[in-house]
N, C-alpha and C. Protein backbone atom coordinates (compact mmCIF):
# COMPACT_ATOMS: atom_id res chain seq x y z
N MET A 1 7.63 -4.45 17.24
CA MET A 1 8.53 -3.59 17.99
C MET A 1 8.14 -3.63 19.47
N LYS A 2 9.12 -3.79 20.30
CA LYS A 2 8.90 -3.83 21.74
C LYS A 2 8.64 -2.40 22.25
N ARG A 3 7.75 -2.27 23.20
CA ARG A 3 7.47 -0.97 23.81
C ARG A 3 8.53 -0.65 24.86
N ILE A 4 8.73 0.63 25.09
CA ILE A 4 9.72 1.08 26.07
C ILE A 4 9.36 0.56 27.46
N GLY A 5 8.09 0.62 27.82
CA GLY A 5 7.66 0.15 29.14
C GLY A 5 7.92 -1.34 29.33
N GLU A 6 7.69 -2.11 28.28
CA GLU A 6 7.94 -3.55 28.33
C GLU A 6 9.43 -3.83 28.49
N TYR A 7 10.24 -3.11 27.72
CA TYR A 7 11.70 -3.28 27.81
C TYR A 7 12.20 -2.89 29.21
N TYR A 8 11.66 -1.81 29.75
CA TYR A 8 12.02 -1.34 31.08
C TYR A 8 11.69 -2.40 32.14
N ARG A 9 10.49 -2.97 32.04
CA ARG A 9 10.10 -4.00 33.01
C ARG A 9 11.01 -5.23 32.92
N GLU A 10 11.33 -5.63 31.69
CA GLU A 10 12.18 -6.81 31.50
C GLU A 10 13.61 -6.60 31.97
N THR A 11 14.15 -5.40 31.73
CA THR A 11 15.58 -5.19 31.99
C THR A 11 15.89 -4.55 33.34
N VAL A 12 14.97 -3.75 33.86
CA VAL A 12 15.26 -3.02 35.10
C VAL A 12 14.38 -3.48 36.26
N MET A 13 13.07 -3.51 36.04
CA MET A 13 12.18 -3.88 37.13
C MET A 13 12.31 -5.34 37.53
N SER A 14 12.88 -6.16 36.65
CA SER A 14 13.09 -7.56 36.98
C SER A 14 14.31 -7.76 37.89
N LEU A 15 15.12 -6.71 38.03
CA LEU A 15 16.29 -6.80 38.91
C LEU A 15 15.84 -6.80 40.37
N PRO A 16 16.59 -7.45 41.25
CA PRO A 16 16.28 -7.35 42.68
C PRO A 16 16.36 -5.89 43.14
N LYS A 17 15.57 -5.53 44.13
CA LYS A 17 15.51 -4.14 44.60
C LYS A 17 16.87 -3.59 45.00
N LYS A 18 17.74 -4.43 45.53
CA LYS A 18 19.05 -3.94 45.96
C LYS A 18 19.98 -3.63 44.78
N GLU A 19 19.60 -4.04 43.57
CA GLU A 19 20.43 -3.79 42.39
C GLU A 19 19.92 -2.64 41.53
N ARG A 20 18.95 -1.90 42.05
CA ARG A 20 18.43 -0.74 41.32
C ARG A 20 18.12 0.37 42.32
N GLU A 21 18.16 1.60 41.84
CA GLU A 21 17.86 2.73 42.72
C GLU A 21 16.88 3.67 42.04
N LEU A 22 16.05 4.30 42.84
CA LEU A 22 15.05 5.23 42.33
C LEU A 22 15.67 6.61 42.18
N ARG A 23 15.50 7.20 41.01
CA ARG A 23 15.98 8.57 40.75
C ARG A 23 14.78 9.42 40.42
N GLU A 24 14.74 10.63 40.98
CA GLU A 24 13.64 11.55 40.76
C GLU A 24 14.16 12.89 40.26
N PHE A 25 13.36 13.54 39.41
CA PHE A 25 13.79 14.82 38.85
C PHE A 25 12.57 15.56 38.34
N GLU A 26 12.34 16.74 38.86
CA GLU A 26 11.27 17.61 38.38
C GLU A 26 11.89 18.57 37.38
N HIS A 27 11.77 18.24 36.11
CA HIS A 27 12.33 19.15 35.09
C HIS A 27 11.24 20.03 34.52
N ILE A 28 11.65 21.14 33.94
CA ILE A 28 10.67 22.12 33.48
C ILE A 28 10.73 22.40 31.99
N SER A 29 11.79 22.01 31.33
CA SER A 29 11.89 22.32 29.90
C SER A 29 11.88 21.03 29.09
N ASP A 30 11.62 21.19 27.80
CA ASP A 30 11.65 20.05 26.89
C ASP A 30 13.08 19.66 26.54
N GLU A 31 13.99 20.59 26.71
CA GLU A 31 15.39 20.37 26.34
C GLU A 31 16.18 19.87 27.54
N LEU A 32 16.63 18.64 27.46
CA LEU A 32 17.48 18.06 28.50
C LEU A 32 18.88 17.90 27.92
N THR A 33 19.87 18.46 28.60
CA THR A 33 21.24 18.39 28.11
C THR A 33 22.14 17.71 29.13
N ILE A 34 23.15 17.04 28.62
CA ILE A 34 24.11 16.34 29.46
C ILE A 34 25.42 17.11 29.41
N GLU A 35 25.98 17.40 30.58
CA GLU A 35 27.25 18.11 30.65
C GLU A 35 28.16 17.43 31.66
N ARG A 36 29.45 17.57 31.40
CA ARG A 36 30.45 17.03 32.32
C ARG A 36 31.21 18.19 32.94
N ASP A 37 31.49 18.10 34.23
CA ASP A 37 32.34 19.08 34.88
C ASP A 37 33.41 18.35 35.68
N LEU A 38 34.09 19.03 36.54
CA LEU A 38 35.19 18.43 37.31
C LEU A 38 34.73 17.30 38.22
N PHE A 39 33.49 17.33 38.65
CA PHE A 39 33.01 16.38 39.64
C PHE A 39 32.17 15.24 39.06
N GLY A 40 31.87 15.28 37.79
CA GLY A 40 31.09 14.20 37.20
C GLY A 40 30.16 14.70 36.12
N TRP A 41 29.04 14.01 35.97
CA TRP A 41 28.07 14.29 34.91
C TRP A 41 26.78 14.84 35.50
N GLN A 42 26.16 15.76 34.77
CA GLN A 42 24.88 16.32 35.17
C GLN A 42 23.93 16.28 33.99
N LEU A 43 22.66 16.09 34.32
CA LEU A 43 21.58 16.17 33.35
C LEU A 43 20.83 17.45 33.68
N TYR A 44 20.84 18.41 32.74
CA TYR A 44 20.25 19.73 32.96
C TYR A 44 18.90 19.88 32.28
N SER A 45 18.03 20.58 32.97
CA SER A 45 16.77 21.06 32.42
C SER A 45 16.71 22.53 32.83
N ASP A 46 17.00 23.41 31.89
CA ASP A 46 17.19 24.84 32.19
C ASP A 46 18.29 24.95 33.24
N LYS A 47 17.97 25.52 34.39
CA LYS A 47 19.01 25.70 35.42
C LYS A 47 19.00 24.59 36.46
N LYS A 48 17.99 23.74 36.42
CA LYS A 48 17.93 22.60 37.34
C LYS A 48 18.77 21.47 36.78
N TYR A 49 19.33 20.67 37.67
CA TYR A 49 20.11 19.52 37.20
C TYR A 49 20.08 18.41 38.23
N ILE A 50 20.45 17.23 37.74
CA ILE A 50 20.57 16.06 38.60
C ILE A 50 21.96 15.49 38.38
N GLU A 51 22.62 15.15 39.47
CA GLU A 51 23.96 14.55 39.40
C GLU A 51 23.84 13.11 38.92
N CYS A 52 24.76 12.71 38.04
CA CYS A 52 24.79 11.35 37.51
C CYS A 52 26.18 10.76 37.72
N ARG A 53 26.26 9.47 37.93
CA ARG A 53 27.55 8.84 38.19
C ARG A 53 28.34 8.59 36.91
N SER A 54 27.66 8.61 35.75
CA SER A 54 28.34 8.37 34.47
C SER A 54 27.54 8.99 33.34
N GLU A 55 28.16 9.09 32.18
CA GLU A 55 27.46 9.58 31.01
C GLU A 55 26.32 8.64 30.65
N GLU A 56 26.53 7.34 30.81
CA GLU A 56 25.49 6.35 30.49
C GLU A 56 24.26 6.54 31.37
N GLU A 57 24.49 6.81 32.65
CA GLU A 57 23.35 7.04 33.54
C GLU A 57 22.60 8.30 33.11
N ALA A 58 23.31 9.34 32.74
CA ALA A 58 22.68 10.58 32.29
C ALA A 58 21.87 10.33 31.01
N ARG A 59 22.41 9.57 30.08
CA ARG A 59 21.68 9.25 28.85
C ARG A 59 20.45 8.42 29.15
N TYR A 60 20.58 7.45 30.05
CA TYR A 60 19.46 6.60 30.46
C TYR A 60 18.33 7.46 31.06
N LEU A 61 18.70 8.33 31.98
CA LEU A 61 17.71 9.19 32.62
C LEU A 61 17.07 10.16 31.62
N ARG A 62 17.86 10.66 30.68
CA ARG A 62 17.32 11.58 29.68
C ARG A 62 16.21 10.92 28.87
N VAL A 63 16.38 9.65 28.54
CA VAL A 63 15.35 8.93 27.77
C VAL A 63 14.01 9.00 28.50
N PHE A 64 14.01 8.67 29.78
CA PHE A 64 12.76 8.61 30.52
C PHE A 64 12.24 9.98 30.94
N PHE A 65 13.14 10.86 31.38
CA PHE A 65 12.69 12.19 31.80
C PHE A 65 12.18 13.00 30.62
N SER A 66 12.72 12.78 29.43
CA SER A 66 12.24 13.50 28.25
C SER A 66 10.83 13.07 27.85
N MET A 67 10.39 11.92 28.35
CA MET A 67 9.03 11.45 28.07
C MET A 67 8.03 11.97 29.11
N GLY A 68 8.53 12.72 30.08
CA GLY A 68 7.64 13.31 31.08
C GLY A 68 7.56 12.54 32.38
N LEU A 69 8.33 11.47 32.51
CA LEU A 69 8.35 10.74 33.77
C LEU A 69 9.17 11.53 34.79
N ASN A 70 8.79 11.49 36.05
CA ASN A 70 9.50 12.23 37.09
C ASN A 70 10.34 11.33 37.98
N GLU A 71 10.10 10.03 37.91
CA GLU A 71 10.91 9.10 38.71
C GLU A 71 11.08 7.81 37.92
N ILE A 72 12.26 7.24 38.08
CA ILE A 72 12.59 6.04 37.32
C ILE A 72 13.65 5.25 38.08
N TYR A 73 13.59 3.95 37.96
CA TYR A 73 14.62 3.11 38.56
C TYR A 73 15.80 2.98 37.60
N VAL A 74 17.00 2.99 38.19
CA VAL A 74 18.24 2.88 37.42
C VAL A 74 19.03 1.69 37.96
N PRO A 75 19.53 0.84 37.08
CA PRO A 75 20.39 -0.25 37.55
C PRO A 75 21.65 0.32 38.22
N LYS A 76 22.06 -0.26 39.32
CA LYS A 76 23.27 0.20 40.01
C LYS A 76 24.55 -0.27 39.32
N ASN A 77 24.47 -1.37 38.60
CA ASN A 77 25.64 -1.92 37.91
C ASN A 77 25.88 -1.15 36.62
N ASP A 78 27.00 -0.44 36.54
CA ASP A 78 27.30 0.39 35.37
C ASP A 78 27.46 -0.42 34.09
N GLU A 79 28.04 -1.59 34.18
CA GLU A 79 28.23 -2.43 32.99
C GLU A 79 26.88 -2.91 32.45
N TYR A 80 25.98 -3.28 33.34
CA TYR A 80 24.65 -3.69 32.92
C TYR A 80 23.91 -2.52 32.29
N LEU A 81 24.01 -1.35 32.92
CA LEU A 81 23.38 -0.15 32.38
C LEU A 81 23.90 0.14 30.97
N LYS A 82 25.20 0.03 30.81
CA LYS A 82 25.81 0.27 29.50
C LYS A 82 25.31 -0.74 28.46
N SER A 83 25.04 -1.96 28.88
CA SER A 83 24.60 -3.00 27.94
C SER A 83 23.15 -2.81 27.48
N ILE A 84 22.29 -2.24 28.32
CA ILE A 84 20.88 -2.08 27.94
C ILE A 84 20.60 -0.72 27.29
N LEU A 85 21.49 0.23 27.44
CA LEU A 85 21.26 1.59 26.95
C LEU A 85 21.08 1.70 25.44
N PRO A 86 21.89 1.05 24.61
CA PRO A 86 21.70 1.20 23.16
C PRO A 86 20.31 0.78 22.68
N GLU A 87 19.81 -0.32 23.18
CA GLU A 87 18.47 -0.78 22.78
C GLU A 87 17.40 0.20 23.27
N LEU A 88 17.56 0.71 24.47
CA LEU A 88 16.60 1.68 25.02
C LEU A 88 16.56 2.94 24.16
N GLU A 89 17.72 3.46 23.80
CA GLU A 89 17.78 4.66 22.96
C GLU A 89 17.20 4.40 21.57
N LYS A 90 17.42 3.20 21.07
CA LYS A 90 16.87 2.83 19.76
C LYS A 90 15.34 2.78 19.83
N LEU A 91 14.80 2.19 20.89
CA LEU A 91 13.35 2.13 21.06
C LEU A 91 12.75 3.53 21.19
N LYS A 92 13.41 4.40 21.94
CA LYS A 92 12.93 5.78 22.11
C LYS A 92 12.94 6.52 20.78
N LYS A 93 14.00 6.37 20.02
CA LYS A 93 14.09 7.05 18.73
C LYS A 93 12.99 6.57 17.78
N ARG A 94 12.78 5.27 17.73
CA ARG A 94 11.76 4.71 16.85
C ARG A 94 10.35 5.13 17.31
N THR A 95 10.14 5.16 18.60
CA THR A 95 8.86 5.61 19.15
C THR A 95 8.59 7.07 18.77
N ASP A 96 9.61 7.91 18.91
CA ASP A 96 9.47 9.32 18.53
C ASP A 96 9.12 9.46 17.06
N GLU A 97 9.75 8.66 16.21
CA GLU A 97 9.47 8.72 14.77
C GLU A 97 8.01 8.35 14.48
N ILE A 98 7.53 7.31 15.13
CA ILE A 98 6.15 6.87 14.93
C ILE A 98 5.17 7.94 15.41
N ILE A 99 5.41 8.49 16.59
CA ILE A 99 4.53 9.52 17.13
C ILE A 99 4.54 10.74 16.22
N ASP A 100 5.73 11.14 15.76
CA ASP A 100 5.83 12.31 14.88
C ASP A 100 5.05 12.11 13.59
N ASP A 101 5.06 10.89 13.04
CA ASP A 101 4.30 10.60 11.83
C ASP A 101 2.81 10.85 12.04
N TYR A 102 2.29 10.48 13.19
CA TYR A 102 0.87 10.66 13.47
C TYR A 102 0.52 12.09 13.87
N LEU A 103 1.48 12.82 14.40
CA LEU A 103 1.21 14.20 14.84
C LEU A 103 1.48 15.22 13.75
N TYR A 104 1.91 14.77 12.60
CA TYR A 104 2.31 15.67 11.52
C TYR A 104 1.24 16.70 11.18
N GLY A 105 0.00 16.31 11.12
CA GLY A 105 -1.07 17.21 10.71
C GLY A 105 -1.62 18.10 11.80
N ILE A 106 -1.18 17.91 13.03
CA ILE A 106 -1.69 18.73 14.14
C ILE A 106 -0.81 19.96 14.27
N LEU A 107 -1.40 21.12 14.09
CA LEU A 107 -0.63 22.36 14.05
C LEU A 107 -0.38 22.97 15.43
N SER A 108 -1.26 22.73 16.36
CA SER A 108 -1.13 23.32 17.69
C SER A 108 -0.01 22.61 18.47
N ARG A 109 0.97 23.39 18.90
CA ARG A 109 2.07 22.82 19.69
C ARG A 109 1.57 22.24 21.01
N LYS A 110 0.63 22.95 21.60
CA LYS A 110 0.08 22.49 22.88
C LYS A 110 -0.61 21.14 22.73
N LYS A 111 -1.43 21.00 21.68
CA LYS A 111 -2.12 19.73 21.44
C LYS A 111 -1.11 18.61 21.14
N ARG A 112 -0.10 18.91 20.33
CA ARG A 112 0.92 17.89 20.03
C ARG A 112 1.61 17.44 21.31
N ALA A 113 1.96 18.39 22.17
CA ALA A 113 2.63 18.05 23.44
C ALA A 113 1.72 17.20 24.32
N GLN A 114 0.43 17.55 24.38
CA GLN A 114 -0.50 16.78 25.20
C GLN A 114 -0.65 15.35 24.68
N ILE A 115 -0.78 15.22 23.37
CA ILE A 115 -0.93 13.90 22.78
C ILE A 115 0.34 13.08 22.96
N ARG A 116 1.49 13.70 22.72
CA ARG A 116 2.78 13.00 22.89
C ARG A 116 2.91 12.49 24.33
N HIS A 117 2.58 13.35 25.29
CA HIS A 117 2.68 12.96 26.70
C HIS A 117 1.73 11.80 27.00
N ALA A 118 0.50 11.87 26.50
CA ALA A 118 -0.47 10.80 26.74
C ALA A 118 0.02 9.47 26.15
N VAL A 119 0.58 9.52 24.97
CA VAL A 119 1.10 8.30 24.33
C VAL A 119 2.25 7.73 25.15
N TYR A 120 3.18 8.59 25.57
CA TYR A 120 4.30 8.12 26.38
C TYR A 120 3.82 7.46 27.67
N MET A 121 2.84 8.08 28.32
CA MET A 121 2.34 7.50 29.56
C MET A 121 1.70 6.13 29.31
N GLU A 122 1.05 5.99 28.19
CA GLU A 122 0.41 4.72 27.86
C GLU A 122 1.45 3.63 27.58
N ILE A 123 2.48 3.96 26.83
CA ILE A 123 3.46 2.92 26.46
C ILE A 123 4.50 2.64 27.53
N THR A 124 4.55 3.51 28.55
CA THR A 124 5.50 3.27 29.63
C THR A 124 4.79 2.91 30.92
N ALA A 125 3.49 2.66 30.86
CA ALA A 125 2.74 2.32 32.07
C ALA A 125 3.53 1.29 32.85
N GLN A 126 3.80 1.61 34.12
CA GLN A 126 4.69 0.77 34.91
C GLN A 126 4.17 0.60 36.33
N GLU A 127 4.59 -0.46 36.91
CA GLU A 127 4.35 -0.65 38.33
C GLU A 127 5.68 -0.45 39.02
N THR A 128 5.79 0.62 39.82
CA THR A 128 7.06 0.91 40.50
C THR A 128 7.04 0.50 41.93
């Protein structure tokens, strides 16, 4: 199984700098929700939100921000973003399942969150 960080480097970081943009978001909750309003899409964390140009961009950002990353590069081309998103979401789902299997016996929520965050940082180690 390919790691999320490896997939990210192959699909996004390999793009020329002019074809990707850096997005930053300091979120505070574990629950990230995507909502649409009259002006576009937003990714919410409690009352904070980040504007997104499409639902796909919001879903893409949710994958990385839910792992505890605060900044991530996003492809500017919407069609390209749409093409890489299903595999990224599949990798994230499978990663979560594997982590959950190993954290099953740990009862402390705080310890589980710390371990989950450490694992995410290890598998997404990136050069930005």
